[in-house]
Amino acid sequence: MIEKTWQSSDVPPEFLEGAAAHLGIDFLKEWKLDREFLELHTREQLVKLAGEWKLKGGTSYDQMKRPELIDNLSGCVNLVRLPVCLTKLKAV
């Protein structure tokens, strides 16, 4: 198991894009939803993502608290695509 020894904020976006291109990685095809991604978002952002993905929860997503949203959305790994917000990333 490889241990994560750096934070994503330490790696410039240009480096990731260049490394991905060099390795033939297409983020649009390879991106997978994980709990860590969801935990970066506020409750309101999670509700917006659920709407973008057109997911239907047993309880309305806008009625859920953040931890419940994260639990619920993390079970949708195979049902979602790369969020629009990630397709519009720009170098900082």
C-alpha atoms as a PDB file:
ATOM      1  CA  MET A   1       0.000   0.000   0.000  1.00  0.00           C
ATOM      2  CA  ILE A   2       1.366   3.401  -0.962  1.00  0.00           C
ATOM      3  CA  GLU A   3       1.059   5.971   1.760  1.00  0.00           C
ATOM      4  CA  LYS A   4       0.058   9.500   0.795  1.00  0.00           C
ATOM      5  CA  THR A   5       2.935  11.773   1.810  1.00  0.00           C
ATOM      6  CA  TRP A   6       1.847  15.036   0.182  1.00  0.00           C
ATOM      7  CA  GLN A   7      -1.264  17.146  -0.027  1.00  0.00           C
ATOM      8  CA  SER A   8      -2.827  17.873  -3.392  1.00  0.00           C
ATOM      9  CA  SER A   9      -2.479  21.618  -2.732  1.00  0.00           C
ATOM     10  CA  ASP A  10       1.318  21.140  -2.785  1.00  0.00           C
ATOM     11  CA  VAL A  11       1.264  20.019  -6.420  1.00  0.00           C
ATOM     12  CA  PRO A  12       0.720  22.706  -9.066  1.00  0.00           C
ATOM     13  CA  PRO A  13      -2.142  21.969 -11.498  1.00  0.00           C
ATOM     14  CA  GLU A  14       0.253  22.383 -14.439  1.00  0.00           C
ATOM     15  CA  PHE A  15       2.390  19.533 -13.098  1.00  0.00           C
ATOM     16  CA  LEU A  16      -0.596  17.208 -12.761  1.00  0.00           C
ATOM     17  CA  GLU A  17      -1.879  18.078 -16.226  1.00  0.00           C
ATOM     18  CA  GLY A  18       1.576  17.580 -17.744  1.00  0.00           C
ATOM     19  CA  ALA A  19       2.184  14.305 -15.920  1.00  0.00           C
ATOM     20  CA  ALA A  20      -1.266  13.011 -16.880  1.00  0.00           C
ATOM     21  CA  ALA A  21      -0.747  13.934 -20.546  1.00  0.00           C
ATOM     22  CA  HIS A  22       2.701  12.302 -20.535  1.00  0.00           C
ATOM     23  CA  LEU A  23       1.269   9.113 -19.038  1.00  0.00           C
ATOM     24  CA  GLY A  24      -1.758   9.124 -21.334  1.00  0.00           C
ATOM     25  CA  ILE A  25      -4.244   9.656 -18.517  1.00  0.00           C
ATOM     26  CA  ASP A  26      -7.544  11.317 -19.392  1.00  0.00           C
ATOM     27  CA  PHE A  27      -9.047  12.793 -16.220  1.00  0.00           C
ATOM     28  CA  LEU A  28     -12.499  12.863 -17.833  1.00  0.00           C
ATOM     29  CA  LYS A  29     -12.412   9.082 -18.203  1.00  0.00           C
ATOM     30  CA  GLU A  30     -10.329   8.109 -15.166  1.00  0.00           C
ATOM     31  CA  TRP A  31     -11.864  10.249 -12.402  1.00  0.00           C
ATOM     32  CA  LYS A  32     -13.718   8.283  -9.739  1.00  0.00           C
ATOM     33  CA  LEU A  33     -15.842   9.613  -6.929  1.00  0.00           C
ATOM     34  CA  ASP A  34     -14.422   8.994  -3.460  1.00  0.00           C
ATOM     35  CA  ARG A  35     -15.205  10.047   0.061  1.00  0.00           C
ATOM     36  CA  GLU A  36     -12.166  12.343   0.235  1.00  0.00           C
ATOM     37  CA  PHE A  37     -13.509  14.376  -2.715  1.00  0.00           C
ATOM     38  CA  LEU A  38     -16.920  14.698  -1.061  1.00  0.00           C
ATOM     39  CA  GLU A  39     -15.391  15.810   2.235  1.00  0.00           C
ATOM     40  CA  LEU A  40     -13.885  18.842   0.459  1.00  0.00           C
ATOM     41  CA  HIS A  41     -17.363  20.242  -0.105  1.00  0.00           C
ATOM     42  CA  THR A  42     -19.863  22.177   1.995  1.00  0.00           C
ATOM     43  CA  ARG A  43     -23.359  20.855   2.523  1.00  0.00           C
ATOM     44  CA  GLU A  44     -24.724  23.245  -0.098  1.00  0.00           C
ATOM     45  CA  GLN A  45     -22.097  22.148  -2.631  1.00  0.00           C
ATOM     46  CA  LEU A  46     -22.952  18.481  -2.004  1.00  0.00           C
ATOM     47  CA  VAL A  47     -26.644  19.162  -2.638  1.00  0.00           C
ATOM     48  CA  LYS A  48     -25.671  20.916  -5.875  1.00  0.00           C
ATOM     49  CA  LEU A  49     -23.511  17.941  -6.945  1.00  0.00           C
ATOM     50  CA  ALA A  50     -26.398  15.528  -6.273  1.00  0.00           C
ATOM     51  CA  GLY A  51     -28.585  17.726  -8.481  1.00  0.00           C
ATOM     52  CA  GLU A  52     -25.943  17.875 -11.217  1.00  0.00           C
ATOM     53  CA  TRP A  53     -25.709  14.088 -11.172  1.00  0.00           C
ATOM     54  CA  LYS A  54     -29.531  13.819 -11.131  1.00  0.00           C
ATOM     55  CA  LEU A  55     -29.420  11.421  -8.196  1.00  0.00           C
ATOM     56  CA  LYS A  56     -32.594  10.515  -6.389  1.00  0.00           C
ATOM     57  CA  GLY A  57     -32.275   9.869  -2.669  1.00  0.00           C
ATOM     58  CA  GLY A  58     -34.801   8.207  -0.380  1.00  0.00           C
ATOM     59  CA  THR A  59     -34.927  11.487   1.482  1.00  0.00           C
ATOM     60  CA  SER A  60     -34.570  14.697  -0.465  1.00  0.00           C
ATOM     61  CA  TYR A  61     -30.889  15.658  -0.578  1.00  0.00           C
ATOM     62  CA  ASP A  62     -31.709  19.212   0.457  1.00  0.00           C
ATOM     63  CA  GLN A  63     -33.128  17.823   3.717  1.00  0.00           C
ATOM     64  CA  MET A  64     -29.948  15.900   4.647  1.00  0.00           C
ATOM     65  CA  LYS A  65     -27.139  17.033   6.912  1.00  0.00           C
ATOM     66  CA  ARG A  66     -23.590  17.085   5.537  1.00  0.00           C
ATOM     67  CA  PRO A  67     -22.410  13.742   7.062  1.00  0.00           C
ATOM     68  CA  GLU A  68     -25.539  12.007   5.753  1.00  0.00           C
ATOM     69  CA  LEU A  69     -24.985  13.523   2.294  1.00  0.00           C
ATOM     70  CA  ILE A  70     -21.379  12.293   2.234  1.00  0.00           C
ATOM     71  CA  ASP A  71     -22.456   8.788   3.280  1.00  0.00           C
ATOM     72  CA  ASN A  72     -25.229   8.696   0.707  1.00  0.00           C
ATOM     73  CA  LEU A  73     -23.226  10.146  -2.199  1.00  0.00           C
ATOM     74  CA  SER A  74     -20.169   7.992  -1.507  1.00  0.00           C
ATOM     75  CA  GLY A  75     -22.344   4.996  -2.373  1.00  0.00           C
ATOM     76  CA  CYS A  76     -22.905   6.358  -5.894  1.00  0.00           C
ATOM     77  CA  VAL A  77     -19.380   5.726  -7.203  1.00  0.00           C
ATOM     78  CA  ASN A  78     -20.478   4.033 -10.428  1.00  0.00           C
ATOM     79  CA  LEU A  79     -23.398   6.389 -11.100  1.00  0.00           C
ATOM     80  CA  VAL A  80     -21.637   9.730 -11.478  1.00  0.00           C
ATOM     81  CA  ARG A  81     -19.395  11.502 -13.957  1.00  0.00           C
ATOM     82  CA  LEU A  82     -16.671  14.075 -13.502  1.00  0.00           C
ATOM     83  CA  PRO A  83     -18.358  17.167 -12.022  1.00  0.00           C
ATOM     84  CA  VAL A  84     -18.579  20.231 -14.251  1.00  0.00           C
ATOM     85  CA  CYS A  85     -16.533  22.203 -11.693  1.00  0.00           C
ATOM     86  CA  LEU A  86     -13.527  19.938 -12.367  1.00  0.00           C
ATOM     87  CA  THR A  87     -13.741  20.333 -16.134  1.00  0.00           C
ATOM     88  CA  LYS A  88     -13.226  24.079 -15.756  1.00  0.00           C
ATOM     89  CA  LEU A  89     -10.102  24.064 -13.572  1.00  0.00           C
ATOM     90  CA  LYS A  90      -7.545  26.720 -14.331  1.00  0.00           C
ATOM     91  CA  ALA A  91      -3.980  27.075 -13.124  1.00  0.00           C
ATOM     92  CA  VAL A  92      -3.527  29.311 -10.087  1.00  0.00           C
END
